[in-house]
Amino acid sequence: MSASDNANPCLSCGACCASFRVDFAREELQSEGGCVPDGLCVELNDSLARMRGSDHLRPRCAALVGTVGERASCGIYEWRPSPCREFGLRSPMGLGDEACNRARQRHGLPPLPA
């Protein structure tokens, strides 16, 4: 891990991936011409899909690798669905927003400064 990796807590956190349901347009599935691997998803209806594991009682996205709060990463980062991309844009470089800090709190992690 480089010094710049240490500056971004998102590279070791993973709390968001183990806190929220991830629904997205079926067009994002590989079988529909998108990039999200079908095997990691559940098709909900004609227009929506969901990342497996993200709707469990204790959510944990099937693409999450590692231990939340220690060393966690997205196993399909390059192919992640739009809600995951958008969440990262709301909290650039690990600067905590309300949703990020709620997820961190669920896992006993301190909030990040805004």
PDB file of N, CA and C in Angstrom:
ATOM      1  N   MET A   1       0.852  -1.179   0.000  1.00  0.00           N
ATOM      2  CA  MET A   1       0.000   0.000   0.000  1.00  0.00           C
ATOM      3  C   MET A   1       0.892   1.235   0.000  1.00  0.00           C
ATOM      4  N   SER A   2       0.617   2.172  -0.868  1.00  0.00           N
ATOM      5  CA  SER A   2       1.427   3.377  -0.961  1.00  0.00           C
ATOM      6  C   SER A   2       0.942   4.435   0.016  1.00  0.00           C
ATOM      7  N   ALA A   3       1.725   5.486   0.179  1.00  0.00           N
ATOM      8  CA  ALA A   3       1.350   6.578   1.075  1.00  0.00           C
ATOM      9  C   ALA A   3       0.037   7.218   0.631  1.00  0.00           C
ATOM     10  N   SER A   4      -0.187   7.334  -0.683  1.00  0.00           N
ATOM     11  CA  SER A   4      -1.429   7.936  -1.160  1.00  0.00           C
ATOM     12  C   SER A   4      -2.625   7.049  -0.835  1.00  0.00           C
ATOM     13  N   ASP A   5      -2.439   5.707  -0.802  1.00  0.00           N
ATOM     14  CA  ASP A   5      -3.513   4.814  -0.409  1.00  0.00           C
ATOM     15  C   ASP A   5      -3.924   5.070   1.033  1.00  0.00           C
ATOM     16  N   ASN A   6      -2.943   5.345   1.903  1.00  0.00           N
ATOM     17  CA  ASN A   6      -3.241   5.617   3.306  1.00  0.00           C
ATOM     18  C   ASN A   6      -4.066   6.879   3.467  1.00  0.00           C
ATOM     19  N   ALA A   7      -3.964   7.823   2.544  1.00  0.00           N
ATOM     20  CA  ALA A   7      -4.691   9.078   2.640  1.00  0.00           C
ATOM     21  C   ALA A   7      -6.167   8.916   2.302  1.00  0.00           C
ATOM     22  N   ASN A   8      -6.544   7.831   1.654  1.00  0.00           N
ATOM     23  CA  ASN A   8      -7.932   7.614   1.267  1.00  0.00           C
ATOM     24  C   ASN A   8      -8.517   6.471   2.087  1.00  0.00           C
ATOM     25  N   PRO A   9      -9.309   6.771   3.127  1.00  0.00           N
ATOM     26  CA  PRO A   9      -9.863   5.715   3.974  1.00  0.00           C
ATOM     27  C   PRO A   9     -10.825   4.787   3.239  1.00  0.00           C
ATOM     28  N   CYS A  10     -11.327   5.192   2.089  1.00  0.00           N
ATOM     29  CA  CYS A  10     -12.226   4.321   1.314  1.00  0.00           C
ATOM     30  C   CYS A  10     -11.526   3.043   0.878  1.00  0.00           C
ATOM     31  N   LEU A  11     -10.203   3.083   0.774  1.00  0.00           N
ATOM     32  CA  LEU A  11      -9.453   1.914   0.323  1.00  0.00           C
ATOM     33  C   LEU A  11      -9.311   0.848   1.404  1.00  0.00           C
ATOM     34  N   SER A  12      -9.731   1.157   2.619  1.00  0.00           N
ATOM     35  CA  SER A  12      -9.680   0.144   3.667  1.00  0.00           C
ATOM     36  C   SER A  12     -10.990   0.028   4.426  1.00  0.00           C
ATOM     37  N   CYS A  13     -11.960   0.877   4.160  1.00  0.00           N
ATOM     38  CA  CYS A  13     -13.186   0.931   4.945  1.00  0.00           C
ATOM     39  C   CYS A  13     -14.188  -0.155   4.554  1.00  0.00           C
ATOM     40  N   GLY A  14     -14.887   0.020   3.440  1.00  0.00           N
ATOM     41  CA  GLY A  14     -15.876  -0.942   2.987  1.00  0.00           C
ATOM     42  C   GLY A  14     -17.209  -0.886   3.714  1.00  0.00           C
ATOM     43  N   ALA A  15     -17.380   0.057   4.620  1.00  0.00           N
ATOM     44  CA  ALA A  15     -18.624   0.128   5.396  1.00  0.00           C
ATOM     45  C   ALA A  15     -19.849   0.349   4.511  1.00  0.00           C
ATOM     46  N   CYS A  16     -19.709   1.157   3.480  1.00  0.00           N
ATOM     47  CA  CYS A  16     -20.856   1.409   2.598  1.00  0.00           C
ATOM     48  C   CYS A  16     -21.281   0.130   1.891  1.00  0.00           C
ATOM     49  N   CYS A  17     -20.333  -0.732   1.564  1.00  0.00           N
ATOM     50  CA  CYS A  17     -20.613  -1.992   0.859  1.00  0.00           C
ATOM     51  C   CYS A  17     -21.269  -3.018   1.771  1.00  0.00           C
ATOM     52  N   ALA A  18     -21.250  -2.746   3.062  1.00  0.00           N
ATOM     53  CA  ALA A  18     -21.852  -3.651   4.032  1.00  0.00           C
ATOM     54  C   ALA A  18     -22.935  -2.933   4.830  1.00  0.00           C
ATOM     55  N   SER A  19     -23.599  -1.961   4.179  1.00  0.00           N
ATOM     56  CA  SER A  19     -24.644  -1.205   4.867  1.00  0.00           C
ATOM     57  C   SER A  19     -25.879  -0.919   4.028  1.00  0.00           C
ATOM     58  N   PHE A  20     -25.711  -0.797   2.713  1.00  0.00           N
ATOM     59  CA  PHE A  20     -26.808  -0.314   1.880  1.00  0.00           C
ATOM     60  C   PHE A  20     -27.210  -1.311   0.800  1.00  0.00           C
ATOM     61  N   ARG A  21     -28.487  -1.287   0.441  1.00  0.00           N
ATOM     62  CA  ARG A  21     -28.979  -2.063  -0.700  1.00  0.00           C
ATOM     63  C   ARG A  21     -28.524  -1.367  -1.969  1.00  0.00           C
ATOM     64  N   VAL A  22     -28.110  -2.139  -2.973  1.00  0.00           N
ATOM     65  CA  VAL A  22     -27.609  -1.567  -4.222  1.00  0.00           C
ATOM     66  C   VAL A  22     -28.478  -2.049  -5.383  1.00  0.00           C
ATOM     67  N   ASP A  23     -29.408  -1.194  -5.804  1.00  0.00           N
ATOM     68  CA  ASP A  23     -30.266  -1.454  -6.955  1.00  0.00           C
ATOM     69  C   ASP A  23     -29.797  -0.592  -8.118  1.00  0.00           C
ATOM     70  N   PHE A  24     -29.904  -1.140  -9.325  1.00  0.00           N
ATOM     71  CA  PHE A  24     -29.451  -0.405 -10.507  1.00  0.00           C
ATOM     72  C   PHE A  24     -30.199  -0.902 -11.735  1.00  0.00           C
ATOM     73  N   ALA A  25     -30.101  -0.164 -12.814  1.00  0.00           N
ATOM     74  CA  ALA A  25     -30.784  -0.512 -14.063  1.00  0.00           C
ATOM     75  C   ALA A  25     -30.211  -1.798 -14.645  1.00  0.00           C
ATOM     76  N   ARG A  26     -31.092  -2.678 -15.118  1.00  0.00           N
ATOM     77  CA  ARG A  26     -30.647  -3.945 -15.718  1.00  0.00           C
ATOM     78  C   ARG A  26     -29.715  -3.734 -16.894  1.00  0.00           C
ATOM     79  N   GLU A  27     -29.783  -2.598 -17.551  1.00  0.00           N
ATOM     80  CA  GLU A  27     -28.897  -2.313 -18.683  1.00  0.00           C
ATOM     81  C   GLU A  27     -27.425  -2.335 -18.280  1.00  0.00           C
ATOM     82  N   GLU A  28     -27.156  -2.241 -16.987  1.00  0.00           N
ATOM     83  CA  GLU A  28     -25.772  -2.271 -16.508  1.00  0.00           C
ATOM     84  C   GLU A  28     -25.215  -3.690 -16.397  1.00  0.00           C
ATOM     85  N   LEU A  29     -26.079  -4.712 -16.506  1.00  0.00           N
ATOM     86  CA  LEU A  29     -25.634  -6.101 -16.446  1.00  0.00           C
ATOM     87  C   LEU A  29     -24.857  -6.465 -17.709  1.00  0.00           C
ATOM     88  N   GLN A  30     -23.851  -7.310 -17.568  1.00  0.00           N
ATOM     89  CA  GLN A  30     -23.068  -7.745 -18.730  1.00  0.00           C
ATOM     90  C   GLN A  30     -23.960  -8.353 -19.804  1.00  0.00           C
ATOM     91  N   SER A  31     -24.946  -9.135 -19.393  1.00  0.00           N
ATOM     92  CA  SER A  31     -25.829  -9.788 -20.363  1.00  0.00           C
ATOM     93  C   SER A  31     -26.695  -8.798 -21.133  1.00  0.00           C
ATOM     94  N   GLU A  32     -26.783  -7.584 -20.618  1.00  0.00           N
ATOM     95  CA  GLU A  32     -27.586  -6.539 -21.257  1.00  0.00           C
ATOM     96  C   GLU A  32     -26.700  -5.510 -21.965  1.00  0.00           C
ATOM     97  N   GLY A  33     -25.399  -5.803 -22.053  1.00  0.00           N
ATOM     98  CA  GLY A  33     -24.476  -4.880 -22.713  1.00  0.00           C
ATOM     99  C   GLY A  33     -23.713  -3.981 -21.757  1.00  0.00           C
ATOM    100  N   GLY A  34     -23.946  -4.127 -20.461  1.00  0.00           N
ATOM    101  CA  GLY A  34     -23.238  -3.321 -19.463  1.00  0.00           C
ATOM    102  C   GLY A  34     -21.982  -4.025 -18.992  1.00  0.00           C
ATOM    103  N   CYS A  35     -21.527  -3.678 -17.800  1.00  0.00           N
ATOM    104  CA  CYS A  35     -20.270  -4.256 -17.327  1.00  0.00           C
ATOM    105  C   CYS A  35     -20.383  -4.984 -15.988  1.00  0.00           C
ATOM    106  N   VAL A  36     -21.519  -4.902 -15.293  1.00  0.00           N
ATOM    107  CA  VAL A  36     -21.658  -5.556 -13.987  1.00  0.00           C
ATOM    108  C   VAL A  36     -21.876  -7.059 -14.200  1.00  0.00           C
ATOM    109  N   PRO A  37     -21.027  -7.907 -13.593  1.00  0.00           N
ATOM    110  CA  PRO A  37     -21.165  -9.353 -13.775  1.00  0.00           C
ATOM    111  C   PRO A  37     -22.519  -9.874 -13.287  1.00  0.00           C
ATOM    112  N   ASP A  38     -23.227 -10.568 -14.164  1.00  0.00           N
ATOM    113  CA  ASP A  38     -24.556 -11.092 -13.846  1.00  0.00           C
ATOM    114  C   ASP A  38     -24.558 -12.001 -12.618  1.00  0.00           C
ATOM    115  N   GLY A  39     -23.523 -12.794 -12.441  1.00  0.00           N
ATOM    116  CA  GLY A  39     -23.478 -13.750 -11.348  1.00  0.00           C
ATOM    117  C   GLY A  39     -23.478 -13.131  -9.970  1.00  0.00           C
ATOM    118  N   LEU A  40     -23.164 -11.862  -9.881  1.00  0.00           N
ATOM    119  CA  LEU A  40     -23.149 -11.175  -8.593  1.00  0.00           C
ATOM    120  C   LEU A  40     -24.439 -10.411  -8.336  1.00  0.00           C
ATOM    121  N   CYS A  41     -25.422 -10.600  -9.211  1.00  0.00           N
ATOM    122  CA  CYS A  41     -26.646  -9.810  -9.137  1.00  0.00           C
ATOM    123  C   CYS A  41     -27.884 -10.682  -9.123  1.00  0.00           C
ATOM    124  N   VAL A  42     -28.960 -10.080  -8.662  1.00  0.00           N
ATOM    125  CA  VAL A  42     -30.278 -10.680  -8.695  1.00  0.00           C
ATOM    126  C   VAL A  42     -31.144  -9.753  -9.531  1.00  0.00           C
ATOM    127  N   GLU A  43     -31.832 -10.308 -10.527  1.00  0.00           N
ATOM    128  CA  GLU A  43     -32.738  -9.494 -11.334  1.00  0.00           C
ATOM    129  C   GLU A  43     -34.042  -9.342 -10.563  1.00  0.00           C
ATOM    130  N   LEU A  44     -34.469  -8.100 -10.366  1.00  0.00           N
ATOM    131  CA  LEU A  44     -35.673  -7.829  -9.589  1.00  0.00           C
ATOM    132  C   LEU A  44     -36.929  -7.803 -10.448  1.00  0.00           C
ATOM    133  N   ASN A  45     -36.822  -7.158 -11.598  1.00  0.00           N
ATOM    134  CA  ASN A  45     -37.945  -7.055 -12.531  1.00  0.00           C
ATOM    135  C   ASN A  45     -37.402  -6.701 -13.902  1.00  0.00           C
ATOM    136  N   ASP A  46     -38.256  -6.269 -14.802  1.00  0.00           N
ATOM    137  CA  ASP A  46     -37.824  -5.971 -16.173  1.00  0.00           C
ATOM    138  C   ASP A  46     -36.843  -4.814 -16.265  1.00  0.00           C
ATOM    139  N   SER A  47     -36.768  -3.987 -15.219  1.00  0.00           N
ATOM    140  CA  SER A  47     -35.903  -2.813 -15.321  1.00  0.00           C
ATOM    141  C   SER A  47     -34.828  -2.717 -14.240  1.00  0.00           C
ATOM    142  N   LEU A  48     -34.922  -3.505 -13.160  1.00  0.00           N
ATOM    143  CA  LEU A  48     -33.980  -3.368 -12.050  1.00  0.00           C
ATOM    144  C   LEU A  48     -33.254  -4.667 -11.711  1.00  0.00           C
ATOM    145  N   ALA A  49     -32.031  -4.499 -11.246  1.00  0.00           N
ATOM    146  CA  ALA A  49     -31.229  -5.597 -10.701  1.00  0.00           C
ATOM    147  C   ALA A  49     -30.670  -5.123  -9.362  1.00  0.00           C
ATOM    148  N   ARG A  50     -30.163  -6.059  -8.559  1.00  0.00           N
ATOM    149  CA  ARG A  50     -29.619  -5.731  -7.240  1.00  0.00           C
ATOM    150  C   ARG A  50     -28.361  -6.547  -7.014  1.00  0.00           C
ATOM    151  N   MET A  51     -27.379  -5.938  -6.393  1.00  0.00           N
ATOM    152  CA  MET A  51     -26.167  -6.674  -6.029  1.00  0.00           C
ATOM    153  C   MET A  51     -26.523  -7.707  -4.963  1.00  0.00           C
ATOM    154  N   ARG A  52     -26.100  -8.959  -5.190  1.00  0.00           N
ATOM    155  CA  ARG A  52     -26.358 -10.031  -4.221  1.00  0.00           C
ATOM    156  C   ARG A  52     -25.777  -9.660  -2.860  1.00  0.00           C
ATOM    157  N   GLY A  53     -26.510 -10.016  -1.838  1.00  0.00           N
ATOM    158  CA  GLY A  53     -26.057  -9.790  -0.472  1.00  0.00           C
ATOM    159  C   GLY A  53     -26.383  -8.415   0.073  1.00  0.00           C
ATOM    160  N   SER A  54     -26.682  -7.464  -0.796  1.00  0.00           N
ATOM    161  CA  SER A  54     -26.905  -6.100  -0.309  1.00  0.00           C
ATOM    162  C   SER A  54     -28.287  -5.912   0.314  1.00  0.00           C
ATOM    163  N   ASP A  55     -29.171  -6.914   0.188  1.00  0.00           N
ATOM    164  CA  ASP A  55     -30.488  -6.791   0.813  1.00  0.00           C
ATOM    165  C   ASP A  55     -30.671  -7.762   1.979  1.00  0.00           C
ATOM    166  N   HIS A  56     -29.589  -8.359   2.449  1.00  0.00           N
ATOM    167  CA  HIS A  56     -29.674  -9.250   3.607  1.00  0.00           C
ATOM    168  C   HIS A  56     -29.913  -8.447   4.876  1.00  0.00           C
ATOM    169  N   LEU A  57     -30.327  -9.133   5.936  1.00  0.00           N
ATOM    170  CA  LEU A  57     -30.544  -8.477   7.224  1.00  0.00           C
ATOM    171  C   LEU A  57     -29.270  -7.751   7.669  1.00  0.00           C
ATOM    172  N   ARG A  58     -28.141  -8.409   7.479  1.00  0.00           N
ATOM    173  CA  ARG A  58     -26.835  -7.776   7.683  1.00  0.00           C
ATOM    174  C   ARG A  58     -26.228  -7.646   6.299  1.00  0.00           C
ATOM    175  N   PRO A  59     -26.458  -6.527   5.621  1.00  0.00           N
ATOM    176  CA  PRO A  59     -26.015  -6.396   4.226  1.00  0.00           C
ATOM    177  C   PRO A  59     -24.509  -6.552   4.073  1.00  0.00           C
ATOM    178  N   ARG A  60     -24.140  -7.189   2.974  1.00  0.00           N
ATOM    179  CA  ARG A  60     -22.735  -7.256   2.563  1.00  0.00           C
ATOM    180  C   ARG A  60     -22.742  -7.596   1.081  1.00  0.00           C
ATOM    181  N   CYS A  61     -22.346  -6.649   0.270  1.00  0.00           N
ATOM    182  CA  CYS A  61     -22.325  -6.847  -1.172  1.00  0.00           C
ATOM    183  C   CYS A  61     -21.440  -8.040  -1.513  1.00  0.00           C
ATOM    184  N   ALA A  62     -21.905  -8.841  -2.454  1.00  0.00           N
ATOM    185  CA  ALA A  62     -21.149 -10.025  -2.875  1.00  0.00           C
ATOM    186  C   ALA A  62     -19.798  -9.667  -3.480  1.00  0.00           C
ATOM    187  N   ALA A  63     -19.627  -8.438  -3.924  1.00  0.00           N
ATOM    188  CA  ALA A  63     -18.357  -8.021  -4.525  1.00  0.00           C
ATOM    189  C   ALA A  63     -17.351  -7.495  -3.499  1.00  0.00           C
ATOM    190  N   LEU A  64     -17.769  -7.332  -2.251  1.00  0.00           N
ATOM    191  CA  LEU A  64     -16.870  -6.813  -1.223  1.00  0.00           C
ATOM    192  C   LEU A  64     -15.853  -7.884  -0.828  1.00  0.00           C
ATOM    193  N   VAL A  65     -14.591  -7.506  -0.834  1.00  0.00           N
ATOM    194  CA  VAL A  65     -13.494  -8.400  -0.485  1.00  0.00           C
ATOM    195  C   VAL A  65     -12.805  -7.840   0.753  1.00  0.00           C
ATOM    196  N   GLY A  66     -12.507  -8.689   1.716  1.00  0.00           N
ATOM    197  CA  GLY A  66     -11.755  -8.251   2.891  1.00  0.00           C
ATOM    198  C   GLY A  66     -12.626  -8.020   4.107  1.00  0.00           C
ATOM    199  N   THR A  67     -12.046  -7.310   5.069  1.00  0.00           N
ATOM    200  CA  THR A  67     -12.689  -7.047   6.348  1.00  0.00           C
ATOM    201  C   THR A  67     -13.015  -5.565   6.464  1.00  0.00           C
ATOM    202  N   VAL A  68     -14.278  -5.271   6.730  1.00  0.00           N
ATOM    203  CA  VAL A  68     -14.720  -3.882   6.877  1.00  0.00           C
ATOM    204  C   VAL A  68     -13.904  -3.197   7.971  1.00  0.00           C
ATOM    205  N   GLY A  69     -13.418  -2.005   7.652  1.00  0.00           N
ATOM    206  CA  GLY A  69     -12.679  -1.202   8.616  1.00  0.00           C
ATOM    207  C   GLY A  69     -11.205  -1.538   8.736  1.00  0.00           C
ATOM    208  N   GLU A  70     -10.786  -2.617   8.105  1.00  0.00           N
ATOM    209  CA  GLU A  70      -9.379  -3.002   8.181  1.00  0.00           C
ATOM    210  C   GLU A  70      -8.732  -2.924   6.803  1.00  0.00           C
ATOM    211  N   ARG A  71      -9.168  -3.782   5.936  1.00  0.00           N
ATOM    212  CA  ARG A  71      -8.652  -3.803   4.560  1.00  0.00           C
ATOM    213  C   ARG A  71      -9.774  -4.375   3.709  1.00  0.00           C
ATOM    214  N   ALA A  72     -10.522  -3.505   3.081  1.00  0.00           N
ATOM    215  CA  ALA A  72     -11.665  -3.916   2.274  1.00  0.00           C
ATOM    216  C   ALA A  72     -11.577  -3.250   0.913  1.00  0.00           C
ATOM    217  N   SER A  73     -12.070  -3.957  -0.094  1.00  0.00           N
ATOM    218  CA  SER A  73     -12.070  -3.383  -1.435  1.00  0.00           C
ATOM    219  C   SER A  73     -13.186  -4.018  -2.246  1.00  0.00           C
ATOM    220  N   CYS A  74     -13.477  -3.396  -3.377  1.00  0.00           N
ATOM    221  CA  CYS A  74     -14.483  -3.909  -4.293  1.00  0.00           C
ATOM    222  C   CYS A  74     -13.810  -4.861  -5.277  1.00  0.00           C
ATOM    223  N   GLY A  75     -14.293  -6.079  -5.328  1.00  0.00           N
ATOM    224  CA  GLY A  75     -13.736  -7.073  -6.230  1.00  0.00           C
ATOM    225  C   GLY A  75     -14.053  -6.815  -7.694  1.00  0.00           C
ATOM    226  N   ILE A  76     -15.001  -5.901  -7.961  1.00  0.00           N
ATOM    227  CA  ILE A  76     -15.365  -5.557  -9.343  1.00  0.00           C
ATOM    228  C   ILE A  76     -15.307  -4.046  -9.539  1.00  0.00           C
ATOM    229  N   TYR A  77     -14.358  -3.403  -8.889  1.00  0.00           N
ATOM    230  CA  TYR A  77     -14.302  -1.936  -8.894  1.00  0.00           C
ATOM    231  C   TYR A  77     -14.467  -1.335 -10.290  1.00  0.00           C
ATOM    232  N   GLU A  78     -13.782  -1.857 -11.268  1.00  0.00           N
ATOM    233  CA  GLU A  78     -13.871  -1.320 -12.630  1.00  0.00           C
ATOM    234  C   GLU A  78     -15.247  -1.540 -13.253  1.00  0.00           C
ATOM    235  N   TRP A  79     -15.986  -2.525 -12.742  1.00  0.00           N
ATOM    236  CA  TRP A  79     -17.285  -2.888 -13.324  1.00  0.00           C
ATOM    237  C   TRP A  79     -18.439  -2.627 -12.362  1.00  0.00           C
ATOM    238  N   ARG A  80     -18.199  -1.889 -11.280  1.00  0.00           N
ATOM    239  CA  ARG A  80     -19.235  -1.659 -10.273  1.00  0.00           C
ATOM    240  C   ARG A  80     -20.413  -0.885 -10.870  1.00  0.00           C
ATOM    241  N   PRO A  81     -21.618  -1.071 -10.301  1.00  0.00           N
ATOM    242  CA  PRO A  81     -22.799  -0.396 -10.835  1.00  0.00           C
ATOM    243  C   PRO A  81     -22.831   1.087 -10.486  1.00  0.00           C
ATOM    244  N   SER A  82     -23.704   1.804 -11.147  1.00  0.00           N
ATOM    245  CA  SER A  82     -23.782   3.260 -11.010  1.00  0.00           C
ATOM    246  C   SER A  82     -24.009   3.752  -9.579  1.00  0.00           C
ATOM    247  N   PRO A  83     -24.847   3.104  -8.733  1.00  0.00           N
ATOM    248  CA  PRO A  83     -24.990   3.641  -7.370  1.00  0.00           C
ATOM    249  C   PRO A  83     -23.673   3.664  -6.606  1.00  0.00           C
ATOM    250  N   CYS A  84     -22.826   2.684  -6.860  1.00  0.00           N
ATOM    251  CA  CYS A  84     -21.520   2.641  -6.189  1.00  0.00           C
ATOM    252  C   CYS A  84     -20.614   3.752  -6.711  1.00  0.00           C
ATOM    253  N   ARG A  85     -20.654   3.978  -8.008  1.00  0.00           N
ATOM    254  CA  ARG A  85     -19.863   5.071  -8.594  1.00  0.00           C
ATOM    255  C   ARG A  85     -20.337   6.417  -8.055  1.00  0.00           C
ATOM    256  N   GLU A  86     -21.650   6.590  -7.972  1.00  0.00           N
ATOM    257  CA  GLU A  86     -22.211   7.852  -7.489  1.00  0.00           C
ATOM    258  C   GLU A  86     -21.915   8.078  -6.016  1.00  0.00           C
ATOM    259  N   PHE A  87     -21.943   7.013  -5.214  1.00  0.00           N
ATOM    260  CA  PHE A  87     -21.632   7.146  -3.797  1.00  0.00           C
ATOM    261  C   PHE A  87     -20.215   7.666  -3.623  1.00  0.00           C
ATOM    262  N   GLY A  88     -19.292   7.140  -4.404  1.00  0.00           N
ATOM    263  CA  GLY A  88     -17.904   7.594  -4.349  1.00  0.00           C
ATOM    264  C   GLY A  88     -17.744   9.045  -4.751  1.00  0.00           C
ATOM    265  N   LEU A  89     -18.580   9.503  -5.670  1.00  0.00           N
ATOM    266  CA  LEU A  89     -18.519  10.907  -6.084  1.00  0.00           C
ATOM    267  C   LEU A  89     -19.032  11.831  -4.992  1.00  0.00           C
ATOM    268  N   ARG A  90     -19.974  11.322  -4.182  1.00  0.00           N
ATOM    269  CA  ARG A  90     -20.497  12.133  -3.079  1.00  0.00           C
ATOM    270  C   ARG A  90     -19.478  12.268  -1.969  1.00  0.00           C
ATOM    271  N   SER A  91     -18.601  11.278  -1.833  1.00  0.00           N
ATOM    272  CA  SER A  91     -17.579  11.276  -0.781  1.00  0.00           C
ATOM    273  C   SER A  91     -16.198  11.158  -1.411  1.00  0.00           C
ATOM    274  N   PRO A  92     -15.777  12.162  -2.201  1.00  0.00           N
ATOM    275  CA  PRO A  92     -14.498  12.031  -2.895  1.00  0.00           C
ATOM    276  C   PRO A  92     -13.322  11.930  -1.932  1.00  0.00           C
ATOM    277  N   MET A  93     -12.422  11.022  -2.258  1.00  0.00           N
ATOM    278  CA  MET A  93     -11.186  10.815  -1.494  1.00  0.00           C
ATOM    279  C   MET A  93     -11.436  10.589  -0.005  1.00  0.00           C
ATOM    280  N   GLY A  94     -12.568   9.933   0.305  1.00  0.00           N
ATOM    281  CA  GLY A  94     -12.820   9.547   1.679  1.00  0.00           C
ATOM    282  C   GLY A  94     -13.272  10.656   2.593  1.00  0.00           C
ATOM    283  N   LEU A  95     -13.730  11.768   2.030  1.00  0.00           N
ATOM    284  CA  LEU A  95     -14.268  12.826   2.881  1.00  0.00           C
ATOM    285  C   LEU A  95     -15.706  12.453   3.208  1.00  0.00           C
ATOM    286  N   GLY A  96     -15.977  12.202   4.469  1.00  0.00           N
ATOM    287  CA  GLY A  96     -17.256  11.641   4.870  1.00  0.00           C
ATOM    288  C   GLY A  96     -18.435  12.559   4.659  1.00  0.00           C
ATOM    289  N   ASP A  97     -19.491  12.027   4.061  1.00  0.00           N
ATOM    290  CA  ASP A  97     -20.767  12.720   4.033  1.00  0.00           C
ATOM    291  C   ASP A  97     -21.683  11.982   4.999  1.00  0.00           C
ATOM    292  N   GLU A  98     -22.934  12.390   5.089  1.00  0.00           N
ATOM    293  CA  GLU A  98     -23.851  11.810   6.071  1.00  0.00           C
ATOM    294  C   GLU A  98     -24.031  10.304   5.871  1.00  0.00           C
ATOM    295  N   ALA A  99     -24.250   9.863   4.634  1.00  0.00           N
ATOM    296  CA  ALA A  99     -24.456   8.436   4.378  1.00  0.00           C
ATOM    297  C   ALA A  99     -23.191   7.628   4.683  1.00  0.00           C
ATOM    298  N   CYS A 100     -22.048   8.154   4.296  1.00  0.00           N
ATOM    299  CA  CYS A 100     -20.778   7.489   4.580  1.00  0.00           C
ATOM    300  C   CYS A 100     -20.610   7.322   6.086  1.00  0.00           C
ATOM    301  N   ASN A 101     -20.826   8.378   6.834  1.00  0.00           N
ATOM    302  CA  ASN A 101     -20.628   8.308   8.274  1.00  0.00           C
ATOM    303  C   ASN A 101     -21.667   7.433   8.968  1.00  0.00           C
ATOM    304  N   ARG A 102     -22.907   7.354   8.441  1.00  0.00           N
ATOM    305  CA  ARG A 102     -23.906   6.421   8.973  1.00  0.00           C
ATOM    306  C   ARG A 102     -23.426   4.979   8.780  1.00  0.00           C
ATOM    307  N   ALA A 103     -22.897   4.689   7.604  1.00  0.00           N
ATOM    308  CA  ALA A 103     -22.382   3.343   7.328  1.00  0.00           C
ATOM    309  C   ALA A 103     -21.217   3.022   8.256  1.00  0.00           C
ATOM    310  N   ARG A 104     -20.325   3.958   8.425  1.00  0.00           N
ATOM    311  CA  ARG A 104     -19.171   3.743   9.306  1.00  0.00           C
ATOM    312  C   ARG A 104     -19.631   3.500  10.743  1.00  0.00           C
ATOM    313  N   GLN A 105     -20.617   4.266  11.200  1.00  0.00           N
ATOM    314  CA  GLN A 105     -21.138   4.110  12.555  1.00  0.00           C
ATOM    315  C   GLN A 105     -21.711   2.702  12.773  1.00  0.00           C
ATOM    316  N   ARG A 106     -22.402   2.176  11.751  1.00  0.00           N
ATOM    317  CA  ARG A 106     -22.979   0.814  11.854  1.00  0.00           C
ATOM    318  C   ARG A 106     -21.897  -0.233  12.116  1.00  0.00           C
ATOM    319  N   HIS A 107     -20.679   0.071  11.709  1.00  0.00           N
ATOM    320  CA  HIS A 107     -19.594  -0.891  11.868  1.00  0.00           C
ATOM    321  C   HIS A 107     -18.597  -0.482  12.951  1.00  0.00           C
ATOM    322  N   GLY A 108     -19.013   0.458  13.804  1.00  0.00           N
ATOM    323  CA  GLY A 108     -18.170   0.866  14.923  1.00  0.00           C
ATOM    324  C   GLY A 108     -16.963   1.686  14.528  1.00  0.00           C
ATOM    325  N   LEU A 109     -17.023   2.318  13.356  1.00  0.00           N
ATOM    326  CA  LEU A 109     -15.907   3.150  12.883  1.00  0.00           C
ATOM    327  C   LEU A 109     -16.198   4.613  13.140  1.00  0.00           C
ATOM    328  N   PRO A 110     -15.189   5.407  13.435  1.00  0.00           N
ATOM    329  CA  PRO A 110     -15.410   6.823  13.679  1.00  0.00           C
ATOM    330  C   PRO A 110     -15.808   7.560  12.386  1.00  0.00           C
ATOM    331  N   PRO A 111     -16.550   8.646  12.523  1.00  0.00           N
ATOM    332  CA  PRO A 111     -16.908   9.432  11.336  1.00  0.00           C
ATOM    333  C   PRO A 111     -15.670  10.062  10.702  1.00  0.00           C
ATOM    334  N   LEU A 112     -15.791  10.334   9.416  1.00  0.00           N
ATOM    335  CA  LEU A 112     -14.716  11.031   8.705  1.00  0.00           C
ATOM    336  C   LEU A 112     -15.057  12.506   8.664  1.00  0.00           C
ATOM    337  N   PRO A 113     -14.058  13.377   8.673  1.00  0.00           N
ATOM    338  CA  PRO A 113     -14.354  14.819   8.588  1.00  0.00           C
ATOM    339  C   PRO A 113     -14.949  15.163   7.221  1.00  0.00           C
ATOM    340  N   ALA A 114     -15.827  16.140   7.212  1.00  0.00           N
ATOM    341  CA  ALA A 114     -16.462  16.581   5.957  1.00  0.00           C
ATOM    342  C   ALA A 114     -15.498  17.398   5.145  1.00  0.00           C
TER     343      ALA A 114
END
